[in-house]
PDB file of N, CA and C in Angstrom:
ATOM      1  N   MET A   1     153.398  99.177 116.373  1.00  0.00           N
ATOM      2  CA  MET A   1     152.155  99.684 116.874  1.00  0.00           C
ATOM      3  C   MET A   1     151.035  99.046 116.066  1.00  0.00           C
ATOM      4  N   ALA A   2     149.912  98.826 116.710  1.00  0.00           N
ATOM      5  CA  ALA A   2     148.722  98.316 116.031  1.00  0.00           C
ATOM      6  C   ALA A   2     147.535  99.164 116.461  1.00  0.00           C
ATOM      7  N   ILE A   3     146.643  99.433 115.512  1.00  0.00           N
ATOM      8  CA  ILE A   3     145.439 100.205 115.806  1.00  0.00           C
ATOM      9  C   ILE A   3     144.286  99.588 115.019  1.00  0.00           C
ATOM     10  N   ARG A   4     143.105  99.576 115.628  1.00  0.00           N
ATOM     11  CA  ARG A   4     141.911  99.081 114.949  1.00  0.00           C
ATOM     12  C   ARG A   4     140.778 100.058 115.206  1.00  0.00           C
ATOM     13  N   PHE A   5     140.169 100.504 114.127  1.00  0.00           N
ATOM     14  CA  PHE A   5     139.039 101.414 114.214  1.00  0.00           C
ATOM     15  C   PHE A   5     137.739 100.621 114.253  1.00  0.00           C
ATOM     16  N   GLU A   6     136.649 101.302 114.597  1.00  0.00           N
ATOM     17  CA  GLU A   6     135.374 100.633 114.818  1.00  0.00           C
ATOM     18  C   GLU A   6     134.771  99.997 113.569  1.00  0.00           C
ATOM     19  N   LEU A   7     134.655 100.738 112.488  1.00  0.00           N
ATOM     20  CA  LEU A   7     133.883 100.276 111.342  1.00  0.00           C
ATOM     21  C   LEU A   7     134.776  99.778 110.203  1.00  0.00           C
ATOM     22  N   PRO A   8     134.706  98.481 109.887  1.00  0.00           N
ATOM     23  CA  PRO A   8     135.566  97.924 108.851  1.00  0.00           C
ATOM     24  C   PRO A   8     135.322  98.502 107.456  1.00  0.00           C
ATOM     25  N   ALA A   9     134.119  98.978 107.186  1.00  0.00           N
ATOM     26  CA  ALA A   9     133.800  99.491 105.853  1.00  0.00           C
ATOM     27  C   ALA A   9     134.240 100.945 105.654  1.00  0.00           C
ATOM     28  N   GLN A  10     134.636 101.619 106.698  1.00  0.00           N
ATOM     29  CA  GLN A  10     135.078 103.003 106.601  1.00  0.00           C
ATOM     30  C   GLN A  10     136.572 103.064 106.290  1.00  0.00           C
ATOM     31  N   THR A  11     136.985 104.178 105.717  1.00  0.00           N
ATOM     32  CA  THR A  11     138.407 104.449 105.543  1.00  0.00           C
ATOM     33  C   THR A  11     138.776 105.622 106.442  1.00  0.00           C
ATOM     34  N   TYR A  12     139.842 105.470 107.191  1.00  0.00           N
ATOM     35  CA  TYR A  12     140.282 106.470 108.162  1.00  0.00           C
ATOM     36  C   TYR A  12     141.648 107.001 107.744  1.00  0.00           C
ATOM     37  N   GLY A  13     141.811 108.303 107.739  1.00  0.00           N
ATOM     38  CA  GLY A  13     143.113 108.916 107.554  1.00  0.00           C
ATOM     39  C   GLY A  13     143.613 109.353 108.924  1.00  0.00           C
ATOM     40  N   TYR A  14     144.888 109.126 109.198  1.00  0.00           N
ATOM     41  CA  TYR A  14     145.410 109.480 110.520  1.00  0.00           C
ATOM     42  C   TYR A  14     146.917 109.673 110.473  1.00  0.00           C
ATOM     43  N   SER A  15     147.410 110.393 111.460  1.00  0.00           N
ATOM     44  CA  SER A  15     148.850 110.561 111.604  1.00  0.00           C
ATOM     45  C   SER A  15     149.267 110.028 112.970  1.00  0.00           C
ATOM     46  N   VAL A  16     150.485 109.530 113.027  1.00  0.00           N
ATOM     47  CA  VAL A  16     151.059 109.012 114.270  1.00  0.00           C
ATOM     48  C   VAL A  16     152.267 109.874 114.592  1.00  0.00           C
ATOM     49  N   GLU A  17     152.245 110.469 115.780  1.00  0.00           N
ATOM     50  CA  GLU A  17     153.316 111.369 116.206  1.00  0.00           C
ATOM     51  C   GLU A  17     153.932 110.858 117.499  1.00  0.00           C
ATOM     52  N   THR A  18     155.193 111.204 117.722  1.00  0.00           N
ATOM     53  CA  THR A  18     155.877 110.828 118.952  1.00  0.00           C
ATOM     54  C   THR A  18     156.515 112.055 119.598  1.00  0.00           C
ATOM     55  N   SER A  19     156.714 111.933 120.922  1.00  0.00           N
ATOM     56  CA  SER A  19     157.334 113.022 121.674  1.00  0.00           C
ATOM     57  C   SER A  19     158.074 112.448 122.874  1.00  0.00           C
ATOM     58  N   ASN A  20     159.091 113.145 123.297  1.00  0.00           N
ATOM     59  CA  ASN A  20     159.795 112.788 124.531  1.00  0.00           C
ATOM     60  C   ASN A  20     159.332 113.627 125.714  1.00  0.00           C
ATOM     61  N   ASP A  21     158.646 114.772 125.440  1.00  0.00           N
ATOM     62  CA  ASP A  21     158.294 115.695 126.527  1.00  0.00           C
ATOM     63  C   ASP A  21     156.814 116.097 126.545  1.00  0.00           C
ATOM     64  N   ASP A  22     155.982 115.547 125.678  1.00  0.00           N
ATOM     65  CA  ASP A  22     154.558 115.870 125.576  1.00  0.00           C
ATOM     66  C   ASP A  22     154.316 117.327 125.191  1.00  0.00           C
ATOM     67  N   ALA A  23     155.317 117.983 124.633  1.00  0.00           N
ATOM     68  CA  ALA A  23     155.171 119.369 124.183  1.00  0.00           C
ATOM     69  C   ALA A  23     155.464 119.486 122.689  1.00  0.00           C
ATOM     70  N   LEU A  24     156.559 118.910 122.267  1.00  0.00           N
ATOM     71  CA  LEU A  24     156.965 118.952 120.858  1.00  0.00           C
ATOM     72  C   LEU A  24     156.806 117.557 120.259  1.00  0.00           C
ATOM     73  N   TYR A  25     155.913 117.427 119.273  1.00  0.00           N
ATOM     74  CA  TYR A  25     155.645 116.141 118.626  1.00  0.00           C
ATOM     75  C   TYR A  25     156.224 116.118 117.228  1.00  0.00           C
ATOM     76  N   THR A  26     156.671 114.937 116.807  1.00  0.00           N
ATOM     77  CA  THR A  26     157.192 114.716 115.471  1.00  0.00           C
ATOM     78  C   THR A  26     156.312 113.699 114.766  1.00  0.00           C
ATOM     79  N   VAL A  27     155.856 114.039 113.568  1.00  0.00           N
ATOM     80  CA  VAL A  27     155.049 113.106 112.788  1.00  0.00           C
ATOM     81  C   VAL A  27     155.952 111.975 112.299  1.00  0.00           C
ATOM     82  N   GLN A  28     155.597 110.754 112.663  1.00  0.00           N
ATOM     83  CA  GLN A  28     156.363 109.583 112.223  1.00  0.00           C
ATOM     84  C   GLN A  28     155.756 108.944 110.988  1.00  0.00           C
ATOM     85  N   ARG A  29     154.439 108.942 110.909  1.00  0.00           N
ATOM     86  CA  ARG A  29     153.753 108.337 109.774  1.00  0.00           C
ATOM     87  C   ARG A  29     152.439 109.069 109.528  1.00  0.00           C
ATOM     88  N   THR A  30     152.055 109.198 108.264  1.00  0.00           N
ATOM     89  CA  THR A  30     150.741 109.678 107.857  1.00  0.00           C
ATOM     90  C   THR A  30     150.132 108.555 107.034  1.00  0.00           C
ATOM     91  N   LEU A  31     148.981 108.048 107.484  1.00  0.00           N
ATOM     92  CA  LEU A  31     148.450 106.806 106.934  1.00  0.00           C
ATOM     93  C   LEU A  31     146.963 106.885 106.652  1.00  0.00           C
ATOM     94  N   SER A  32     146.469 105.868 105.966  1.00  0.00           N
ATOM     95  CA  SER A  32     145.032 105.650 105.868  1.00  0.00           C
ATOM     96  C   SER A  32     144.807 104.149 105.883  1.00  0.00           C
ATOM     97  N   GLY A  33     143.647 103.754 106.406  1.00  0.00           N
ATOM     98  CA  GLY A  33     143.333 102.336 106.481  1.00  0.00           C
ATOM     99  C   GLY A  33     141.885 102.142 106.838  1.00  0.00           C
ATOM    100  N   THR A  34     141.459 100.899 106.863  1.00  0.00           N
ATOM    101  CA  THR A  34     140.083 100.556 107.181  1.00  0.00           C
ATOM    102  C   THR A  34     139.970 100.181 108.655  1.00  0.00           C
ATOM    103  N   GLY A  35     138.821  99.642 109.018  1.00  0.00           N
ATOM    104  CA  GLY A  35     138.615  99.217 110.393  1.00  0.00           C
ATOM    105  C   GLY A  35     139.370  97.960 110.769  1.00  0.00           C
ATOM    106  N   ALA A  36     139.999  97.304 109.801  1.00  0.00           N
ATOM    107  CA  ALA A  36     140.824  96.140 110.113  1.00  0.00           C
ATOM    108  C   ALA A  36     142.051  96.585 110.913  1.00  0.00           C
ATOM    109  N   ILE A  37     142.677  95.673 111.601  1.00  0.00           N
ATOM    110  CA  ILE A  37     143.868  96.012 112.385  1.00  0.00           C
ATOM    111  C   ILE A  37     144.959  96.535 111.447  1.00  0.00           C
ATOM    112  N   GLN A  38     145.481  97.698 111.772  1.00  0.00           N
ATOM    113  CA  GLN A  38     146.560  98.324 111.009  1.00  0.00           C
ATOM    114  C   GLN A  38     147.865  98.142 111.796  1.00  0.00           C
ATOM    115  N   GLN A  39     148.859  97.518 111.178  1.00  0.00           N
ATOM    116  CA  GLN A  39     150.178  97.363 111.789  1.00  0.00           C
ATOM    117  C   GLN A  39     151.062  98.493 111.290  1.00  0.00           C
ATOM    118  N   ILE A  40     151.657  99.247 112.197  1.00  0.00           N
ATOM    119  CA  ILE A  40     152.465 100.406 111.834  1.00  0.00           C
ATOM    120  C   ILE A  40     153.865 100.221 112.408  1.00  0.00           C
ATOM    121  N   ASP A  41     154.853 100.315 111.546  1.00  0.00           N
ATOM    122  CA  ASP A  41     156.245 100.235 111.983  1.00  0.00           C
ATOM    123  C   ASP A  41     156.824 101.637 112.069  1.00  0.00           C
ATOM    124  N   PHE A  42     157.564 101.888 113.123  1.00  0.00           N
ATOM    125  CA  PHE A  42     158.284 103.141 113.267  1.00  0.00           C
ATOM    126  C   PHE A  42     159.686 102.989 112.682  1.00  0.00           C
ATOM    127  N   PRO A  43     160.290 104.100 112.264  1.00  0.00           N
ATOM    128  CA  PRO A  43     161.686 104.019 111.843  1.00  0.00           C
ATOM    129  C   PRO A  43     162.540 103.456 112.995  1.00  0.00           C
ATOM    130  N   PRO A  44     163.617 102.751 112.697  1.00  0.00           N
ATOM    131  CA  PRO A  44     164.393 102.079 113.742  1.00  0.00           C
ATOM    132  C   PRO A  44     165.014 103.001 114.783  1.00  0.00           C
ATOM    133  N   ASP A  45     165.231 104.271 114.465  1.00  0.00           N
ATOM    134  CA  ASP A  45     165.894 105.170 115.410  1.00  0.00           C
ATOM    135  C   ASP A  45     164.922 105.948 116.301  1.00  0.00           C
ATOM    136  N   VAL A  46     163.628 105.640 116.247  1.00  0.00           N
ATOM    137  CA  VAL A  46     162.640 106.383 117.042  1.00  0.00           C
ATOM    138  C   VAL A  46     162.633 105.892 118.483  1.00  0.00           C
ATOM    139  N   SER A  47     162.734 106.847 119.394  1.00  0.00           N
ATOM    140  CA  SER A  47     162.600 106.589 120.820  1.00  0.00           C
ATOM    141  C   SER A  47     161.686 107.667 121.368  1.00  0.00           C
ATOM    142  N   ALA A  48     160.628 107.278 122.092  1.00  0.00           N
ATOM    143  CA  ALA A  48     159.661 108.267 122.551  1.00  0.00           C
ATOM    144  C   ALA A  48     159.000 107.826 123.842  1.00  0.00           C
ATOM    145  N   ARG A  49     158.527 108.812 124.569  1.00  0.00           N
ATOM    146  CA  ARG A  49     157.766 108.550 125.786  1.00  0.00           C
ATOM    147  C   ARG A  49     156.265 108.652 125.529  1.00  0.00           C
ATOM    148  N   TYR A  50     155.873 109.485 124.562  1.00  0.00           N
ATOM    149  CA  TYR A  50     154.467 109.724 124.247  1.00  0.00           C
ATOM    150  C   TYR A  50     154.198 109.412 122.781  1.00  0.00           C
ATOM    151  N   VAL A  51     153.013 108.874 122.508  1.00  0.00           N
ATOM    152  CA  VAL A  51     152.562 108.622 121.144  1.00  0.00           C
ATOM    153  C   VAL A  51     151.164 109.224 121.012  1.00  0.00           C
ATOM    154  N   ARG A  52     150.958 109.955 119.925  1.00  0.00           N
ATOM    155  CA  ARG A  52     149.661 110.592 119.684  1.00  0.00           C
ATOM    156  C   ARG A  52     149.167 110.167 118.302  1.00  0.00           C
ATOM    157  N   VAL A  53     147.895 109.773 118.234  1.00  0.00           N
ATOM    158  CA  VAL A  53     147.249 109.439 116.969  1.00  0.00           C
ATOM    159  C   VAL A  53     146.197 110.510 116.713  1.00  0.00           C
ATOM    160  N   THR A  54     146.288 111.159 115.563  1.00  0.00           N
ATOM    161  CA  THR A  54     145.339 112.202 115.188  1.00  0.00           C
ATOM    162  C   THR A  54     144.556 111.725 113.970  1.00  0.00           C
ATOM    163  N   ILE A  55     143.246 111.625 114.115  1.00  0.00           N
ATOM    164  CA  ILE A  55     142.380 111.243 113.004  1.00  0.00           C
ATOM    165  C   ILE A  55     142.205 112.468 112.120  1.00  0.00           C
ATOM    166  N   THR A  56     142.486 112.327 110.826  1.00  0.00           N
ATOM    167  CA  THR A  56     142.408 113.471 109.917  1.00  0.00           C
ATOM    168  C   THR A  56     141.209 113.398 108.978  1.00  0.00           C
ATOM    169  N   THR A  57     140.803 112.190 108.578  1.00  0.00           N
ATOM    170  CA  THR A  57     139.635 112.033 107.710  1.00  0.00           C
ATOM    171  C   THR A  57     138.901 110.737 108.033  1.00  0.00           C
ATOM    172  N   VAL A  58     137.599 110.751 107.796  1.00  0.00           N
ATOM    173  CA  VAL A  58     136.760 109.563 107.925  1.00  0.00           C
ATOM    174  C   VAL A  58     135.762 109.593 106.778  1.00  0.00           C
ATOM    175  N   THR A  59     135.695 108.520 105.992  1.00  0.00           N
ATOM    176  CA  THR A  59     134.742 108.503 104.890  1.00  0.00           C
ATOM    177  C   THR A  59     133.345 108.194 105.404  1.00  0.00           C
ATOM    178  N   ASN A  60     132.371 108.911 104.898  1.00  0.00           N
ATOM    179  CA  ASN A  60     130.948 108.682 105.154  1.00  0.00           C
ATOM    180  C   ASN A  60     130.498 108.891 106.595  1.00  0.00           C
ATOM    181  N   LYS A  61     131.331 109.341 107.460  1.00  0.00           N
ATOM    182  CA  LYS A  61     130.946 109.602 108.856  1.00  0.00           C
ATOM    183  C   LYS A  61     131.622 110.881 109.332  1.00  0.00           C
ATOM    184  N   ASN A  62     131.105 111.436 110.400  1.00  0.00           N
ATOM    185  CA  ASN A  62     131.691 112.636 110.989  1.00  0.00           C
ATOM    186  C   ASN A  62     132.541 112.330 112.213  1.00  0.00           C
ATOM    187  N   TRP A  63     132.698 111.072 112.563  1.00  0.00           N
ATOM    188  CA  TRP A  63     133.431 110.709 113.767  1.00  0.00           C
ATOM    189  C   TRP A  63     134.224 109.433 113.534  1.00  0.00           C
ATOM    190  N   ALA A  64     135.168 109.183 114.409  1.00  0.00           N
ATOM    191  CA  ALA A  64     135.953 107.950 114.368  1.00  0.00           C
ATOM    192  C   ALA A  64     136.032 107.381 115.772  1.00  0.00           C
ATOM    193  N   CYS A  65     136.080 106.083 115.849  1.00  0.00           N
ATOM    194  CA  CYS A  65     136.195 105.410 117.139  1.00  0.00           C
ATOM    195  C   CYS A  65     137.320 104.386 117.053  1.00  0.00           C
ATOM    196  N   VAL A  66     138.278 104.482 117.957  1.00  0.00           N
ATOM    197  CA  VAL A  66     139.377 103.514 118.030  1.00  0.00           C
ATOM    198  C   VAL A  66     138.953 102.408 118.982  1.00  0.00           C
ATOM    199  N   TRP A  67     138.950 101.182 118.495  1.00  0.00           N
ATOM    200  CA  TRP A  67     138.569 100.044 119.333  1.00  0.00           C
ATOM    201  C   TRP A  67     139.757  99.442 120.065  1.00  0.00           C
ATOM    202  N   ASP A  68     140.876  99.333 119.394  1.00  0.00           N
ATOM    203  CA  ASP A  68     142.070  98.743 120.007  1.00  0.00           C
ATOM    204  C   ASP A  68     143.290  99.548 119.600  1.00  0.00           C
ATOM    205  N   PHE A  69     144.225  99.624 120.542  1.00  0.00           N
ATOM    206  CA  PHE A  69     145.492 100.316 120.300  1.00  0.00           C
ATOM    207  C   PHE A  69     146.542  99.590 121.103  1.00  0.00           C
ATOM    208  N   ALA A  70     147.628  99.197 120.464  1.00  0.00           N
ATOM    209  CA  ALA A  70     148.713  98.507 121.157  1.00  0.00           C
ATOM    210  C   ALA A  70     150.036  99.099 120.696  1.00  0.00           C
ATOM    211  N   LEU A  71     150.934  99.236 121.643  1.00  0.00           N
ATOM    212  CA  LEU A  71     152.239  99.824 121.344  1.00  0.00           C
ATOM    213  C   LEU A  71     153.296  99.073 122.144  1.00  0.00           C
ATOM    214  N   SER A  72     154.418  98.788 121.468  1.00  0.00           N
ATOM    215  CA  SER A  72     155.529  98.160 122.185  1.00  0.00           C
ATOM    216  C   SER A  72     156.826  98.484 121.476  1.00  0.00           C
ATOM    217  N   GLY A  73     157.874  98.540 122.243  1.00  0.00           N
ATOM    218  CA  GLY A  73     159.204  98.599 121.689  1.00  0.00           C
ATOM    219  C   GLY A  73     159.748  99.939 121.264  1.00  0.00           C
ATOM    220  N   ILE A  74     159.121 101.075 121.612  1.00  0.00           N
ATOM    221  CA  ILE A  74     159.780 102.325 121.253  1.00  0.00           C
ATOM    222  C   ILE A  74     160.205 103.054 122.497  1.00  0.00           C
TER     223      ILE A  74
END
């Protein structure tokens, strides 16, 4: 998975969760990164139909904007 946030100078905290039924989600990764493209690897045994990204913190701003999101192979 790859994600890119709007502002390169900001730091974003976020979690990536997966689900097979859109009801019960499992946290796969809890991360932080800047506005640069973040490459995220899932554990090899993960199979999911839904992926949810939850923004948990943003430095110096009250909002976050995702510019790009790409997912393949799960």
